[in-house]
């Protein structure tokens, strides 16, 4: 995940407010539960004052979610963070199909 702010001062201020965002990114496949991302454990992407602008995450889907993903179920992605007030997004079927191919 890339969080981009062109202005360095604004970036520094905003990344302070977004601390912890990497633990709140999720996918929802059809009627299944949300799957939250797991940040790369090998890299420290946050310190006491701010989060990083770049996060590497993986999502561990169960067999039911993978089957629904492959069968074209609707997929929604969102972020549950107090400061990031953007509604969840339904992924276009072309994106879902491209991501589903990663399960092969």
PDB file of N, CA and C in Angstrom:
ATOM      1  N   UNK A   1       0.853  -1.151   0.000  1.00  0.00           N
ATOM      2  CA  UNK A   1       0.000   0.000   0.000  1.00  0.00           C
ATOM      3  C   UNK A   1       0.906   1.223   0.000  1.00  0.00           C
ATOM      4  N   UNK A   2       0.614   2.165  -0.868  1.00  0.00           N
ATOM      5  CA  UNK A   2       1.366   3.412  -0.948  1.00  0.00           C
ATOM      6  C   UNK A   2       0.464   4.555  -0.519  1.00  0.00           C
ATOM      7  N   UNK A   3       0.920   5.329   0.433  1.00  0.00           N
ATOM      8  CA  UNK A   3       0.214   6.531   0.877  1.00  0.00           C
ATOM      9  C   UNK A   3       1.026   7.702   0.363  1.00  0.00           C
ATOM     10  N   UNK A   4       0.456   8.449  -0.576  1.00  0.00           N
ATOM     11  CA  UNK A   4       1.240   9.471  -1.258  1.00  0.00           C
ATOM     12  C   UNK A   4       0.745  10.882  -0.949  1.00  0.00           C
ATOM     13  N   UNK A   5       1.666  11.707  -0.525  1.00  0.00           N
ATOM     14  CA  UNK A   5       1.477  13.151  -0.376  1.00  0.00           C
ATOM     15  C   UNK A   5       2.687  13.802  -1.022  1.00  0.00           C
ATOM     16  N   UNK A   6       2.458  14.699  -1.956  1.00  0.00           N
ATOM     17  CA  UNK A   6       3.562  15.328  -2.681  1.00  0.00           C
ATOM     18  C   UNK A   6       4.374  16.232  -1.762  1.00  0.00           C
ATOM     19  N   UNK A   7       3.699  17.021  -0.967  1.00  0.00           N
ATOM     20  CA  UNK A   7       4.361  17.969  -0.071  1.00  0.00           C
ATOM     21  C   UNK A   7       4.938  17.236   1.142  1.00  0.00           C
ATOM     22  N   UNK A   8       6.217  17.419   1.392  1.00  0.00           N
ATOM     23  CA  UNK A   8       6.915  16.713   2.469  1.00  0.00           C
ATOM     24  C   UNK A   8       6.336  17.047   3.841  1.00  0.00           C
ATOM     25  N   UNK A   9       6.055  18.296   4.101  1.00  0.00           N
ATOM     26  CA  UNK A   9       5.515  18.692   5.409  1.00  0.00           C
ATOM     27  C   UNK A   9       4.119  18.122   5.631  1.00  0.00           C
ATOM     28  N   UNK A  10       3.295  18.175   4.605  1.00  0.00           N
ATOM     29  CA  UNK A  10       1.947  17.603   4.715  1.00  0.00           C
ATOM     30  C   UNK A  10       2.047  16.096   4.918  1.00  0.00           C
ATOM     31  N   UNK A  11       2.946  15.438   4.183  1.00  0.00           N
ATOM     32  CA  UNK A  11       3.135  13.992   4.327  1.00  0.00           C
ATOM     33  C   UNK A  11       3.492  13.641   5.766  1.00  0.00           C
ATOM     34  N   UNK A  12       4.434  14.352   6.324  1.00  0.00           N
ATOM     35  CA  UNK A  12       4.871  14.081   7.701  1.00  0.00           C
ATOM     36  C   UNK A  12       3.697  14.216   8.679  1.00  0.00           C
ATOM     37  N   UNK A  13       2.912  15.266   8.512  1.00  0.00           N
ATOM     38  CA  UNK A  13       1.760  15.513   9.389  1.00  0.00           C
ATOM     39  C   UNK A  13       0.691  14.423   9.220  1.00  0.00           C
ATOM     40  N   UNK A  14       0.385  14.075   7.981  1.00  0.00           N
ATOM     41  CA  UNK A  14      -0.665  13.091   7.716  1.00  0.00           C
ATOM     42  C   UNK A  14      -0.260  11.685   8.153  1.00  0.00           C
ATOM     43  N   UNK A  15       0.991  11.313   7.958  1.00  0.00           N
ATOM     44  CA  UNK A  15       1.437   9.981   8.364  1.00  0.00           C
ATOM     45  C   UNK A  15       1.395   9.813   9.880  1.00  0.00           C
ATOM     46  N   UNK A  16       1.518  10.906  10.603  1.00  0.00           N
ATOM     47  CA  UNK A  16       1.355  10.856  12.056  1.00  0.00           C
ATOM     48  C   UNK A  16      -0.085  10.484  12.403  1.00  0.00           C
ATOM     49  N   UNK A  17      -1.035  11.066  11.693  1.00  0.00           N
ATOM     50  CA  UNK A  17      -2.456  10.799  11.943  1.00  0.00           C
ATOM     51  C   UNK A  17      -2.868   9.398  11.499  1.00  0.00           C
ATOM     52  N   UNK A  18      -2.158   8.833  10.540  1.00  0.00           N
ATOM     53  CA  UNK A  18      -2.519   7.527   9.978  1.00  0.00           C
ATOM     54  C   UNK A  18      -1.805   6.351  10.650  1.00  0.00           C
ATOM     55  N   UNK A  19      -1.157   6.602  11.763  1.00  0.00           N
ATOM     56  CA  UNK A  19      -0.444   5.536  12.474  1.00  0.00           C
ATOM     57  C   UNK A  19      -1.391   4.355  12.724  1.00  0.00           C
ATOM     58  N   UNK A  20      -0.927   3.154  12.399  1.00  0.00           N
ATOM     59  CA  UNK A  20      -1.720   1.946  12.597  1.00  0.00           C
ATOM     60  C   UNK A  20      -2.604   1.559  11.421  1.00  0.00           C
ATOM     61  N   UNK A  21      -2.624   2.366  10.375  1.00  0.00           N
ATOM     62  CA  UNK A  21      -3.511   2.090   9.240  1.00  0.00           C
ATOM     63  C   UNK A  21      -3.237   0.726   8.612  1.00  0.00           C
ATOM     64  N   UNK A  22      -1.986   0.291   8.634  1.00  0.00           N
ATOM     65  CA  UNK A  22      -1.624  -0.978   7.991  1.00  0.00           C
ATOM     66  C   UNK A  22      -2.303  -2.179   8.635  1.00  0.00           C
ATOM     67  N   UNK A  23      -2.792  -2.041   9.846  1.00  0.00           N
ATOM     68  CA  UNK A  23      -3.491  -3.136  10.527  1.00  0.00           C
ATOM     69  C   UNK A  23      -4.995  -3.105  10.278  1.00  0.00           C
ATOM     70  N   UNK A  24      -5.445  -2.158   9.463  1.00  0.00           N
ATOM     71  CA  UNK A  24      -6.880  -1.959   9.281  1.00  0.00           C
ATOM     72  C   UNK A  24      -7.352  -2.036   7.835  1.00  0.00           C
ATOM     73  N   UNK A  25      -6.516  -2.535   6.940  1.00  0.00           N
ATOM     74  CA  UNK A  25      -6.883  -2.711   5.532  1.00  0.00           C
ATOM     75  C   UNK A  25      -7.526  -4.091   5.398  1.00  0.00           C
ATOM     76  N   UNK A  26      -8.653  -4.172   4.708  1.00  0.00           N
ATOM     77  CA  UNK A  26      -9.369  -5.444   4.614  1.00  0.00           C
ATOM     78  C   UNK A  26      -9.989  -5.693   3.244  1.00  0.00           C
ATOM     79  N   UNK A  27     -10.251  -6.975   2.982  1.00  0.00           N
ATOM     80  CA  UNK A  27     -11.030  -7.438   1.837  1.00  0.00           C
ATOM     81  C   UNK A  27     -12.254  -8.158   2.383  1.00  0.00           C
ATOM     82  N   UNK A  28     -13.366  -8.058   1.682  1.00  0.00           N
ATOM     83  CA  UNK A  28     -14.568  -8.833   2.002  1.00  0.00           C
ATOM     84  C   UNK A  28     -15.006  -9.502   0.712  1.00  0.00           C
ATOM     85  N   UNK A  29     -15.058 -10.829   0.723  1.00  0.00           N
ATOM     86  CA  UNK A  29     -15.403 -11.607  -0.465  1.00  0.00           C
ATOM     87  C   UNK A  29     -16.820 -12.140  -0.297  1.00  0.00           C
ATOM     88  N   UNK A  30     -17.732 -11.642  -1.135  1.00  0.00           N
ATOM     89  CA  UNK A  30     -19.127 -12.071  -1.037  1.00  0.00           C
ATOM     90  C   UNK A  30     -19.675 -11.816   0.349  1.00  0.00           C
ATOM     91  N   UNK A  31     -20.324 -12.846   0.917  1.00  0.00           N
ATOM     92  CA  UNK A  31     -20.948 -12.701   2.234  1.00  0.00           C
ATOM     93  C   UNK A  31     -20.058 -13.209   3.371  1.00  0.00           C
ATOM     94  N   UNK A  32     -18.776 -13.361   3.106  1.00  0.00           N
ATOM     95  CA  UNK A  32     -17.862 -13.869   4.134  1.00  0.00           C
ATOM     96  C   UNK A  32     -17.368 -12.726   5.028  1.00  0.00           C
ATOM     97  N   UNK A  33     -16.659 -13.097   6.071  1.00  0.00           N
ATOM     98  CA  UNK A  33     -16.113 -12.101   6.998  1.00  0.00           C
ATOM     99  C   UNK A  33     -14.959 -11.327   6.354  1.00  0.00           C
ATOM    100  N   UNK A  34     -14.660 -10.188   6.905  1.00  0.00           N
ATOM    101  CA  UNK A  34     -13.528  -9.387   6.430  1.00  0.00           C
ATOM    102  C   UNK A  34     -12.219 -10.132   6.691  1.00  0.00           C
ATOM    103  N   UNK A  35     -11.287  -9.968   5.772  1.00  0.00           N
ATOM    104  CA  UNK A  35      -9.938 -10.512   5.933  1.00  0.00           C
ATOM    105  C   UNK A  35      -8.999  -9.315   6.034  1.00  0.00           C
ATOM    106  N   UNK A  36      -8.395  -9.141   7.199  1.00  0.00           N
ATOM    107  CA  UNK A  36      -7.489  -8.013   7.415  1.00  0.00           C
ATOM    108  C   UNK A  36      -6.083  -8.372   6.956  1.00  0.00           C
ATOM    109  N   UNK A  37      -5.404  -7.390   6.405  1.00  0.00           N
ATOM    110  CA  UNK A  37      -4.041  -7.583   5.936  1.00  0.00           C
ATOM    111  C   UNK A  37      -3.080  -7.811   7.085  1.00  0.00           C
ATOM    112  N   UNK A  38      -2.022  -8.516   6.776  1.00  0.00           N
ATOM    113  CA  UNK A  38      -0.944  -8.751   7.732  1.00  0.00           C
ATOM    114  C   UNK A  38       0.280  -8.040   7.175  1.00  0.00           C
ATOM    115  N   UNK A  39       0.741  -7.046   7.913  1.00  0.00           N
ATOM    116  CA  UNK A  39       1.907  -6.277   7.466  1.00  0.00           C
ATOM    117  C   UNK A  39       3.146  -7.155   7.506  1.00  0.00           C
ATOM    118  N   UNK A  40       4.054  -6.920   6.588  1.00  0.00           N
ATOM    119  CA  UNK A  40       5.313  -7.666   6.504  1.00  0.00           C
ATOM    120  C   UNK A  40       6.044  -7.570   7.838  1.00  0.00           C
ATOM    121  N   UNK A  41       6.198  -8.715   8.491  1.00  0.00           N
ATOM    122  CA  UNK A  41       6.825  -8.745   9.816  1.00  0.00           C
ATOM    123  C   UNK A  41       8.320  -8.481   9.776  1.00  0.00           C
ATOM    124  N   UNK A  42       8.933  -8.595   8.608  1.00  0.00           N
ATOM    125  CA  UNK A  42      10.381  -8.417   8.490  1.00  0.00           C
ATOM    126  C   UNK A  42      10.809  -6.958   8.408  1.00  0.00           C
ATOM    127  N   UNK A  43       9.839  -6.077   8.208  1.00  0.00           N
ATOM    128  CA  UNK A  43      10.160  -4.657   8.064  1.00  0.00           C
ATOM    129  C   UNK A  43       9.391  -3.836   9.086  1.00  0.00           C
ATOM    130  N   UNK A  44      10.075  -2.983   9.798  1.00  0.00           N
ATOM    131  CA  UNK A  44       9.422  -2.078  10.736  1.00  0.00           C
ATOM    132  C   UNK A  44       8.925  -0.886   9.936  1.00  0.00           C
ATOM    133  N   UNK A  45       7.618  -0.736   9.819  1.00  0.00           N
ATOM    134  CA  UNK A  45       7.037   0.305   8.978  1.00  0.00           C
ATOM    135  C   UNK A  45       6.411   1.425   9.805  1.00  0.00           C
ATOM    136  N   UNK A  46       6.619   1.394  11.104  1.00  0.00           N
ATOM    137  CA  UNK A  46       5.998   2.375  11.981  1.00  0.00           C
ATOM    138  C   UNK A  46       6.956   2.648  13.136  1.00  0.00           C
ATOM    139  N   UNK A  47       6.949   3.894  13.614  1.00  0.00           N
ATOM    140  CA  UNK A  47       7.711   4.186  14.824  1.00  0.00           C
ATOM    141  C   UNK A  47       6.769   4.815  15.839  1.00  0.00           C
ATOM    142  N   UNK A  48       7.313   5.406  16.887  1.00  0.00           N
ATOM    143  CA  UNK A  48       6.471   5.964  17.949  1.00  0.00           C
ATOM    144  C   UNK A  48       5.613   7.132  17.492  1.00  0.00           C
ATOM    145  N   UNK A  49       5.996   7.770  16.396  1.00  0.00           N
ATOM    146  CA  UNK A  49       5.285   8.988  16.004  1.00  0.00           C
ATOM    147  C   UNK A  49       4.498   8.896  14.709  1.00  0.00           C
ATOM    148  N   UNK A  50       4.854   7.971  13.809  1.00  0.00           N
ATOM    149  CA  UNK A  50       4.173   7.956  12.511  1.00  0.00           C
ATOM    150  C   UNK A  50       4.241   6.578  11.869  1.00  0.00           C
ATOM    151  N   UNK A  51       3.411   6.417  10.839  1.00  0.00           N
ATOM    152  CA  UNK A  51       3.472   5.218  10.014  1.00  0.00           C
ATOM    153  C   UNK A  51       4.316   5.513   8.783  1.00  0.00           C
ATOM    154  N   UNK A  52       4.682   4.491   8.070  1.00  0.00           N
ATOM    155  CA  UNK A  52       5.443   4.643   6.833  1.00  0.00           C
ATOM    156  C   UNK A  52       4.496   4.980   5.686  1.00  0.00           C
ATOM    157  N   UNK A  53       5.034   5.513   4.616  1.00  0.00           N
ATOM    158  CA  UNK A  53       4.232   5.791   3.423  1.00  0.00           C
ATOM    159  C   UNK A  53       4.072   4.541   2.558  1.00  0.00           C
ATOM    160  N   UNK A  54       4.853   3.499   2.817  1.00  0.00           N
ATOM    161  CA  UNK A  54       4.788   2.261   2.037  1.00  0.00           C
ATOM    162  C   UNK A  54       4.630   1.081   2.995  1.00  0.00           C
ATOM    163  N   UNK A  55       3.653   0.223   2.695  1.00  0.00           N
ATOM    164  CA  UNK A  55       3.419  -0.981   3.499  1.00  0.00           C
ATOM    165  C   UNK A  55       3.297  -2.186   2.584  1.00  0.00           C
ATOM    166  N   UNK A  56       3.924  -3.282   2.981  1.00  0.00           N
ATOM    167  CA  UNK A  56       3.808  -4.546   2.267  1.00  0.00           C
ATOM    168  C   UNK A  56       2.929  -5.452   3.109  1.00  0.00           C
ATOM    169  N   UNK A  57       1.840  -5.943   2.522  1.00  0.00           N
ATOM    170  CA  UNK A  57       0.870  -6.744   3.267  1.00  0.00           C
ATOM    171  C   UNK A  57       0.512  -8.002   2.498  1.00  0.00           C
ATOM    172  N   UNK A  58       0.041  -8.981   3.249  1.00  0.00           N
ATOM    173  CA  UNK A  58      -0.530 -10.174   2.637  1.00  0.00           C
ATOM    174  C   UNK A  58      -1.897 -10.393   3.290  1.00  0.00           C
ATOM    175  N   UNK A  59      -2.734 -11.134   2.587  1.00  0.00           N
ATOM    176  CA  UNK A  59      -4.077 -11.429   3.074  1.00  0.00           C
ATOM    177  C   UNK A  59      -4.256 -12.937   3.052  1.00  0.00           C
ATOM    178  N   UNK A  60      -4.649 -13.508   4.179  1.00  0.00           N
ATOM    179  CA  UNK A  60      -4.800 -14.956   4.289  1.00  0.00           C
ATOM    180  C   UNK A  60      -6.278 -15.320   4.185  1.00  0.00           C
ATOM    181  N   UNK A  61      -6.698 -15.675   2.970  1.00  0.00           N
ATOM    182  CA  UNK A  61      -8.079 -16.060   2.709  1.00  0.00           C
ATOM    183  C   UNK A  61      -8.266 -17.542   3.019  1.00  0.00           C
ATOM    184  N   UNK A  62      -9.459 -17.895   3.537  1.00  0.00           N
ATOM    185  CA  UNK A  62      -9.740 -19.314   3.762  1.00  0.00           C
ATOM    186  C   UNK A  62     -10.255 -19.945   2.465  1.00  0.00           C
ATOM    187  N   UNK A  63     -10.457 -21.255   2.477  1.00  0.00           N
ATOM    188  CA  UNK A  63     -10.856 -21.969   1.262  1.00  0.00           C
ATOM    189  C   UNK A  63     -12.187 -21.470   0.705  1.00  0.00           C
ATOM    190  N   UNK A  64     -13.134 -21.174   1.574  1.00  0.00           N
ATOM    191  CA  UNK A  64     -14.436 -20.667   1.128  1.00  0.00           C
ATOM    192  C   UNK A  64     -14.271 -19.329   0.425  1.00  0.00           C
ATOM    193  N   UNK A  65     -13.485 -18.451   1.007  1.00  0.00           N
ATOM    194  CA  UNK A  65     -13.257 -17.136   0.403  1.00  0.00           C
ATOM    195  C   UNK A  65     -12.546 -17.262  -0.938  1.00  0.00           C
ATOM    196  N   UNK A  66     -11.584 -18.158  -1.031  1.00  0.00           N
ATOM    197  CA  UNK A  66     -10.869 -18.363  -2.294  1.00  0.00           C
ATOM    198  C   UNK A  66     -11.828 -18.878  -3.364  1.00  0.00           C
ATOM    199  N   UNK A  67     -12.674 -19.838  -2.999  1.00  0.00           N
ATOM    200  CA  UNK A  67     -13.640 -20.379  -3.960  1.00  0.00           C
ATOM    201  C   UNK A  67     -14.582 -19.286  -4.445  1.00  0.00           C
ATOM    202  N   UNK A  68     -15.067 -18.465  -3.533  1.00  0.00           N
ATOM    203  CA  UNK A  68     -15.971 -17.374  -3.923  1.00  0.00           C
ATOM    204  C   UNK A  68     -15.241 -16.351  -4.788  1.00  0.00           C
ATOM    205  N   UNK A  69     -14.012 -16.073  -4.449  1.00  0.00           N
ATOM    206  CA  UNK A  69     -13.183 -15.154  -5.240  1.00  0.00           C
ATOM    207  C   UNK A  69     -13.084 -15.671  -6.675  1.00  0.00           C
ATOM    208  N   UNK A  70     -12.747 -16.958  -6.816  1.00  0.00           N
ATOM    209  CA  UNK A  70     -12.574 -17.564  -8.138  1.00  0.00           C
ATOM    210  C   UNK A  70     -13.882 -17.639  -8.919  1.00  0.00           C
ATOM    211  N   UNK A  71     -15.005 -17.732  -8.205  1.00  0.00           N
ATOM    212  CA  UNK A  71     -16.308 -17.851  -8.861  1.00  0.00           C
ATOM    213  C   UNK A  71     -16.975 -16.506  -9.107  1.00  0.00           C
ATOM    214  N   UNK A  72     -16.227 -15.430  -8.932  1.00  0.00           N
ATOM    215  CA  UNK A  72     -16.737 -14.112  -9.297  1.00  0.00           C
ATOM    216  C   UNK A  72     -17.603 -13.418  -8.271  1.00  0.00           C
ATOM    217  N   UNK A  73     -17.499 -13.809  -7.014  1.00  0.00           N
ATOM    218  CA  UNK A  73     -18.257 -13.105  -5.976  1.00  0.00           C
ATOM    219  C   UNK A  73     -17.810 -11.648  -5.925  1.00  0.00           C
ATOM    220  N   UNK A  74     -18.677 -10.787  -5.474  1.00  0.00           N
ATOM    221  CA  UNK A  74     -18.298  -9.388  -5.298  1.00  0.00           C
ATOM    222  C   UNK A  74     -17.207  -9.265  -4.250  1.00  0.00           C
ATOM    223  N   UNK A  75     -16.251  -8.412  -4.504  1.00  0.00           N
ATOM    224  CA  UNK A  75     -15.144  -8.207  -3.568  1.00  0.00           C
ATOM    225  C   UNK A  75     -15.079  -6.723  -3.229  1.00  0.00           C
ATOM    226  N   UNK A  76     -15.054  -6.456  -1.942  1.00  0.00           N
ATOM    227  CA  UNK A  76     -14.986  -5.082  -1.441  1.00  0.00           C
ATOM    228  C   UNK A  76     -13.676  -4.926  -0.691  1.00  0.00           C
ATOM    229  N   UNK A  77     -13.045  -3.779  -0.848  1.00  0.00           N
ATOM    230  CA  UNK A  77     -11.828  -3.473  -0.102  1.00  0.00           C
ATOM    231  C   UNK A  77     -12.077  -2.187   0.679  1.00  0.00           C
ATOM    232  N   UNK A  78     -11.556  -2.151   1.898  1.00  0.00           N
ATOM    233  CA  UNK A  78     -11.759  -0.965   2.720  1.00  0.00           C
ATOM    234  C   UNK A  78     -10.676  -0.824   3.774  1.00  0.00           C
ATOM    235  N   UNK A  79     -10.759   0.273   4.487  1.00  0.00           N
ATOM    236  CA  UNK A  79      -9.825   0.557   5.575  1.00  0.00           C
ATOM    237  C   UNK A  79     -10.631   1.094   6.747  1.00  0.00           C
ATOM    238  N   UNK A  80     -10.505   0.442   7.902  1.00  0.00           N
ATOM    239  CA  UNK A  80     -11.160   0.889   9.128  1.00  0.00           C
ATOM    240  C   UNK A  80     -10.148   1.672   9.957  1.00  0.00           C
ATOM    241  N   UNK A  81     -10.110   2.962   9.766  1.00  0.00           N
ATOM    242  CA  UNK A  81      -9.185   3.801  10.524  1.00  0.00           C
ATOM    243  C   UNK A  81      -9.893   5.111  10.830  1.00  0.00           C
ATOM    244  N   UNK A  82      -9.772   5.582  12.061  1.00  0.00           N
ATOM    245  CA  UNK A  82     -10.487   6.792  12.476  1.00  0.00           C
ATOM    246  C   UNK A  82     -10.179   8.001  11.609  1.00  0.00           C
ATOM    247  N   UNK A  83      -8.960   8.128  11.143  1.00  0.00           N
ATOM    248  CA  UNK A  83      -8.583   9.314  10.375  1.00  0.00           C
ATOM    249  C   UNK A  83      -8.806   9.147   8.871  1.00  0.00           C
ATOM    250  N   UNK A  84      -8.873   7.909   8.389  1.00  0.00           N
ATOM    251  CA  UNK A  84      -9.039   7.653   6.958  1.00  0.00           C
ATOM    252  C   UNK A  84     -10.520   7.428   6.687  1.00  0.00           C
ATOM    253  N   UNK A  85     -11.221   8.493   6.372  1.00  0.00           N
ATOM    254  CA  UNK A  85     -12.671   8.444   6.212  1.00  0.00           C
ATOM    255  C   UNK A  85     -13.045   8.340   4.733  1.00  0.00           C
ATOM    256  N   UNK A  86     -12.800   7.178   4.165  1.00  0.00           N
ATOM    257  CA  UNK A  86     -13.126   6.911   2.763  1.00  0.00           C
ATOM    258  C   UNK A  86     -13.982   5.646   2.742  1.00  0.00           C
ATOM    259  N   UNK A  87     -15.121   5.673   2.044  1.00  0.00           N
ATOM    260  CA  UNK A  87     -15.972   4.479   2.036  1.00  0.00           C
ATOM    261  C   UNK A  87     -15.307   3.297   1.336  1.00  0.00           C
ATOM    262  N   UNK A  88     -15.677   2.078   1.729  1.00  0.00           N
ATOM    263  CA  UNK A  88     -15.157   0.886   1.055  1.00  0.00           C
ATOM    264  C   UNK A  88     -15.494   0.922  -0.438  1.00  0.00           C
ATOM    265  N   UNK A  89     -14.693   0.217  -1.230  1.00  0.00           N
ATOM    266  CA  UNK A  89     -14.837   0.208  -2.684  1.00  0.00           C
ATOM    267  C   UNK A  89     -15.084  -1.211  -3.179  1.00  0.00           C
ATOM    268  N   UNK A  90     -16.064  -1.356  -4.059  1.00  0.00           N
ATOM    269  CA  UNK A  90     -16.292  -2.635  -4.723  1.00  0.00           C
ATOM    270  C   UNK A  90     -15.348  -2.723  -5.916  1.00  0.00           C
ATOM    271  N   UNK A  91     -14.572  -3.792  -5.968  1.00  0.00           N
ATOM    272  CA  UNK A  91     -13.609  -3.959  -7.052  1.00  0.00           C
ATOM    273  C   UNK A  91     -14.310  -4.344  -8.352  1.00  0.00           C
ATOM    274  N   UNK A  92     -13.845  -3.798  -9.450  1.00  0.00           N
ATOM    275  CA  UNK A  92     -14.358  -4.131 -10.780  1.00  0.00           C
ATOM    276  C   UNK A  92     -14.075  -5.608 -11.057  1.00  0.00           C
ATOM    277  N   UNK A  93     -14.972  -6.264 -11.797  1.00  0.00           N
ATOM    278  CA  UNK A  93     -14.815  -7.707 -12.041  1.00  0.00           C
ATOM    279  C   UNK A  93     -13.496  -8.050 -12.729  1.00  0.00           C
ATOM    280  N   UNK A  94     -12.949  -7.156 -13.552  1.00  0.00           N
ATOM    281  CA  UNK A  94     -11.645  -7.427 -14.174  1.00  0.00           C
ATOM    282  C   UNK A  94     -10.532  -7.495 -13.126  1.00  0.00           C
ATOM    283  N   UNK A  95     -10.628  -6.649 -12.124  1.00  0.00           N
ATOM    284  CA  UNK A  95      -9.641  -6.656 -11.036  1.00  0.00           C
ATOM    285  C   UNK A  95      -9.801  -7.926 -10.206  1.00  0.00           C
ATOM    286  N   UNK A  96     -11.050  -8.286  -9.907  1.00  0.00           N
ATOM    287  CA  UNK A  96     -11.312  -9.515  -9.147  1.00  0.00           C
ATOM    288  C   UNK A  96     -10.754 -10.722  -9.897  1.00  0.00           C
ATOM    289  N   UNK A  97     -11.001 -10.789 -11.197  1.00  0.00           N
ATOM    290  CA  UNK A  97     -10.492 -11.914 -11.998  1.00  0.00           C
ATOM    291  C   UNK A  97      -8.966 -11.956 -12.004  1.00  0.00           C
ATOM    292  N   UNK A  98      -8.333 -10.804 -12.115  1.00  0.00           N
ATOM    293  CA  UNK A  98      -6.868 -10.755 -12.105  1.00  0.00           C
ATOM    294  C   UNK A  98      -6.321 -11.230 -10.759  1.00  0.00           C
ATOM    295  N   UNK A  99      -6.935 -10.771  -9.674  1.00  0.00           N
ATOM    296  CA  UNK A  99      -6.487 -11.200  -8.348  1.00  0.00           C
ATOM    297  C   UNK A  99      -6.768 -12.681  -8.123  1.00  0.00           C
ATOM    298  N   UNK A 100      -7.911 -13.163  -8.617  1.00  0.00           N
ATOM    299  CA  UNK A 100      -8.267 -14.577  -8.446  1.00  0.00           C
ATOM    300  C   UNK A 100      -7.241 -15.489  -9.105  1.00  0.00           C
ATOM    301  N   UNK A 101      -6.619 -15.020 -10.172  1.00  0.00           N
ATOM    302  CA  UNK A 101      -5.612 -15.850 -10.846  1.00  0.00           C
ATOM    303  C   UNK A 101      -4.396 -16.095  -9.950  1.00  0.00           C
ATOM    304  N   UNK A 102      -4.199 -15.265  -8.939  1.00  0.00           N
ATOM    305  CA  UNK A 102      -3.093 -15.476  -7.998  1.00  0.00           C
ATOM    306  C   UNK A 102      -3.305 -16.713  -7.125  1.00  0.00           C
ATOM    307  N   UNK A 103      -4.541 -17.199  -7.042  1.00  0.00           N
ATOM    308  CA  UNK A 103      -4.833 -18.381  -6.226  1.00  0.00           C
ATOM    309  C   UNK A 103      -4.540 -19.686  -6.953  1.00  0.00           C
ATOM    310  N   UNK A 104      -4.219 -19.619  -8.229  1.00  0.00           N
ATOM    311  CA  UNK A 104      -3.988 -20.841  -9.023  1.00  0.00           C
ATOM    312  C   UNK A 104      -2.663 -21.481  -8.691  1.00  0.00           C
TER     313      UNK A 104
END
